[in-house]
Amino acid sequence: MKDILRRHQVLKEEIVTILNKQIKMEAKSSAAYLAMAAWCDINGYDNSADFFFKQSDEERKHQLKLYHYLCDMECQAVSPTVDESQHDFTSLRSVFEAALEHEIAVTDAIHDIVRECRKHGDIATEEFMRWFVQEQIEEEYVARRILELFDVLGEDKIALGMFEERVLHVEYDQGA
């Protein structure tokens, strides 16, 4: 029956490859955020740990969203292996700086996928990726806002306590 319905591969091989690459990046993101959560937890930054545990879950959901898309398109989705994540950081600020750098890299990768879709005229996948483009706007915004808290509050013990009170309340304001 599938042969009757589809006489060609739904997605071009280049699109399948780049989406599988993004699946791996999302898996690495999830693992990286788990490592950041562990560092925060061990160092007594409970709210920051909660923030990164939630980020890890979110990245896993992104991975699965891409994975299901490939399966739905009758393409081979690859379950990736993930390398060791960075577990040691010099300060709480350095953890959040690493998170922002990571989000910027993910944004660049998402934009590469959209460009590849346009190159191959893959309108369906480009439309599917629109959600990820919007998500990355939010992810980078939140990471930048959190880093701005360090600039406003400082990094002494009292400031870090104030930071911990606020970190879970930083949200993306679409009107911003």
Protein backbone atom coordinates (compact mmCIF):
# COMPACT_ATOMS: atom_id res chain seq x y z
CA MET A 1 0.00 0.00 0.00
CA LYS A 2 2.81 2.44 0.84
CA ASP A 3 4.21 1.94 -2.67
CA ILE A 4 0.91 3.05 -4.16
CA LEU A 5 0.64 6.11 -1.94
CA ARG A 6 4.26 7.23 -2.20
CA ARG A 7 6.33 6.56 -5.28
CA HIS A 8 9.24 8.68 -4.05
CA GLN A 9 10.95 9.40 -0.75
CA VAL A 10 9.01 12.05 1.10
CA LEU A 11 12.09 14.06 2.10
CA LYS A 12 15.34 14.57 0.25
CA GLU A 13 18.31 12.78 1.77
CA GLU A 14 20.00 16.13 2.59
CA ILE A 15 16.98 17.14 4.68
CA VAL A 16 16.90 13.78 6.48
CA THR A 17 20.61 14.11 7.26
CA ILE A 18 20.36 17.64 8.63
CA LEU A 19 17.28 16.78 10.71
CA ASN A 20 19.07 13.77 12.20
CA LYS A 21 21.99 16.06 12.98
CA GLN A 22 19.56 18.35 14.81
CA ILE A 23 18.12 15.40 16.72
CA LYS A 24 21.62 14.72 18.00
CA MET A 25 22.12 18.39 18.89
CA GLU A 26 18.88 18.40 20.89
CA ALA A 27 19.98 15.22 22.71
CA LYS A 28 23.33 16.83 23.51
CA SER A 29 21.48 19.92 24.73
CA SER A 30 19.38 17.82 27.07
CA ALA A 31 22.49 16.13 28.46
CA ALA A 32 24.34 19.45 28.80
CA TYR A 33 21.47 20.97 30.75
CA LEU A 34 21.37 17.93 33.03
CA ALA A 35 25.06 18.46 33.78
CA MET A 36 24.41 22.14 34.46
CA ALA A 37 21.52 21.20 36.76
CA ALA A 38 23.76 18.80 38.66
CA TRP A 39 26.47 21.45 39.10
CA CYS A 40 23.90 23.96 40.36
CA ASP A 41 22.35 21.42 42.70
CA ILE A 42 25.68 20.36 44.19
CA ASN A 43 26.64 24.00 44.73
CA GLY A 44 23.38 24.90 46.48
CA TYR A 45 21.68 26.80 43.66
CA ASP A 46 18.37 24.95 43.89
CA ASN A 47 16.30 27.27 41.69
CA SER A 48 18.98 27.34 39.02
CA ALA A 49 19.10 23.53 39.18
CA ASP A 50 15.31 23.44 38.70
CA PHE A 51 15.66 25.81 35.75
CA PHE A 52 18.18 23.52 34.05
CA PHE A 53 16.22 20.34 34.82
CA LYS A 54 13.25 21.94 33.05
CA GLN A 55 15.49 23.02 30.16
CA SER A 56 16.78 19.46 29.84
CA ASP A 57 13.23 18.11 29.64
CA GLU A 58 12.34 20.72 27.04
CA GLU A 59 15.33 19.81 24.85
CA ARG A 60 14.32 16.16 25.03
CA LYS A 61 10.85 17.14 23.81
CA HIS A 62 12.44 19.05 20.93
CA GLN A 63 14.46 15.95 20.05
CA LEU A 64 11.33 13.80 20.02
CA LYS A 65 9.38 16.33 17.97
CA LEU A 66 12.03 16.10 15.24
CA TYR A 67 12.25 12.33 15.60
CA HIS A 68 8.49 11.90 15.17
CA TYR A 69 8.49 14.22 12.17
CA LEU A 70 11.04 12.04 10.37
CA CYS A 71 9.07 8.91 11.25
CA ASP A 72 5.84 10.52 10.06
CA MET A 73 7.55 11.37 6.79
CA GLU A 74 8.57 7.70 6.42
CA CYS A 75 12.25 8.54 6.82
CA GLN A 76 14.91 6.98 9.01
CA ALA A 77 15.24 8.83 12.33
CA VAL A 78 18.50 8.01 14.09
CA SER A 79 18.72 7.60 17.85
CA PRO A 80 21.98 9.40 18.61
CA THR A 81 24.77 8.64 21.01
CA VAL A 82 25.72 11.58 23.16
CA ASP A 83 29.23 12.49 24.22
CA GLU A 84 30.21 13.52 27.74
CA SER A 85 28.91 16.95 28.77
CA GLN A 86 30.83 19.64 30.60
CA HIS A 87 30.31 19.02 34.33
CA ASP A 88 32.64 21.57 35.87
CA PHE A 89 32.06 25.30 35.92
CA THR A 90 33.89 28.16 37.63
CA SER A 91 30.80 30.07 38.77
CA LEU A 92 27.05 30.24 38.47
CA ARG A 93 27.45 32.96 35.87
CA SER A 94 29.72 30.70 33.79
CA VAL A 95 26.96 28.06 33.76
CA PHE A 96 24.48 30.55 32.33
CA GLU A 97 27.06 31.91 29.87
CA ALA A 98 27.59 28.35 28.60
CA ALA A 99 23.81 27.97 28.29
CA LEU A 100 23.55 31.14 26.17
CA GLU A 101 26.43 30.05 23.94
CA HIS A 102 24.69 26.71 23.54
CA GLU A 103 21.36 28.33 22.60
CA ILE A 104 23.07 30.53 20.01
CA ALA A 105 24.61 27.40 18.43
CA VAL A 106 21.19 25.72 18.36
CA THR A 107 19.66 28.82 16.74
CA ASP A 108 22.37 28.76 14.06
CA ALA A 109 21.67 25.07 13.41
CA ILE A 110 17.91 25.67 13.13
CA HIS A 111 18.53 28.49 10.66
CA ASP A 112 20.78 26.15 8.64
CA ILE A 113 17.91 23.67 8.41
CA VAL A 114 15.53 26.36 7.17
CA ARG A 115 18.09 27.47 4.56
CA GLU A 116 18.51 23.84 3.44
CA CYS A 117 14.74 23.48 3.15
CA ARG A 118 14.57 26.58 0.97
CA LYS A 119 17.43 25.31 -1.18
CA HIS A 120 15.53 22.06 -1.84
CA GLY A 121 12.07 23.61 -2.04
CA ASP A 122 10.90 21.60 0.98
CA ILE A 123 8.00 23.79 2.03
CA ALA A 124 6.51 21.25 4.46
CA THR A 125 9.70 20.87 6.51
CA GLU A 126 10.33 24.62 6.43
CA GLU A 127 6.83 25.15 7.82
CA PHE A 128 7.46 22.46 10.47
CA MET A 129 10.70 24.25 11.46
CA ARG A 130 8.88 27.56 12.00
CA TRP A 131 7.98 26.42 15.53
CA PHE A 132 11.66 25.79 16.28
CA VAL A 133 12.63 29.23 14.95
CA GLN A 134 10.12 30.85 17.33
CA GLU A 135 11.25 28.63 20.19
CA GLN A 136 14.86 29.73 19.72
CA ILE A 137 13.87 33.39 19.86
CA GLU A 138 12.40 32.66 23.29
CA GLU A 139 15.33 30.49 24.44
CA GLU A 140 17.95 33.11 23.59
CA TYR A 141 15.88 35.92 25.09
CA VAL A 142 15.49 34.10 28.41
CA ALA A 143 19.20 33.21 28.54
CA ARG A 144 20.19 36.83 27.87
CA ARG A 145 17.74 38.19 30.45
CA ILE A 146 19.11 35.81 33.07
CA LEU A 147 22.67 36.93 32.33
CA GLU A 148 21.52 40.55 32.65
CA LEU A 149 20.50 39.73 36.22
CA PHE A 150 24.17 39.18 37.03
CA ASP A 151 24.97 42.60 35.58
CA VAL A 152 22.23 44.23 37.65
CA LEU A 153 22.63 42.30 40.90
CA GLY A 154 26.34 41.47 40.93
CA GLU A 155 27.85 38.21 42.07
CA ASP A 156 28.46 38.50 45.80
CA LYS A 157 26.65 36.11 48.15
CA ILE A 158 23.68 38.39 48.74
CA ALA A 159 23.33 39.06 45.01
CA LEU A 160 23.46 35.34 44.23
CA GLY A 161 20.67 34.78 46.75
CA MET A 162 18.60 37.45 45.02
CA PHE A 163 19.45 35.88 41.66
CA GLU A 164 18.21 32.50 42.89
CA GLU A 165 14.90 34.10 43.89
CA ARG A 166 14.39 35.51 40.40
CA VAL A 167 15.82 32.90 38.00
CA LEU A 168 12.65 30.82 37.77
CA HIS A 169 10.55 33.89 36.99
CA VAL A 170 12.37 35.08 33.89
CA GLU A 171 10.02 34.63 30.97
CA TYR A 172 9.78 35.63 27.37
CA ASP A 173 7.48 38.59 26.82
CA GLN A 174 6.33 38.54 23.20
CA GLY A 175 5.70 42.26 23.37
CA ALA A 176 9.35 42.88 24.26
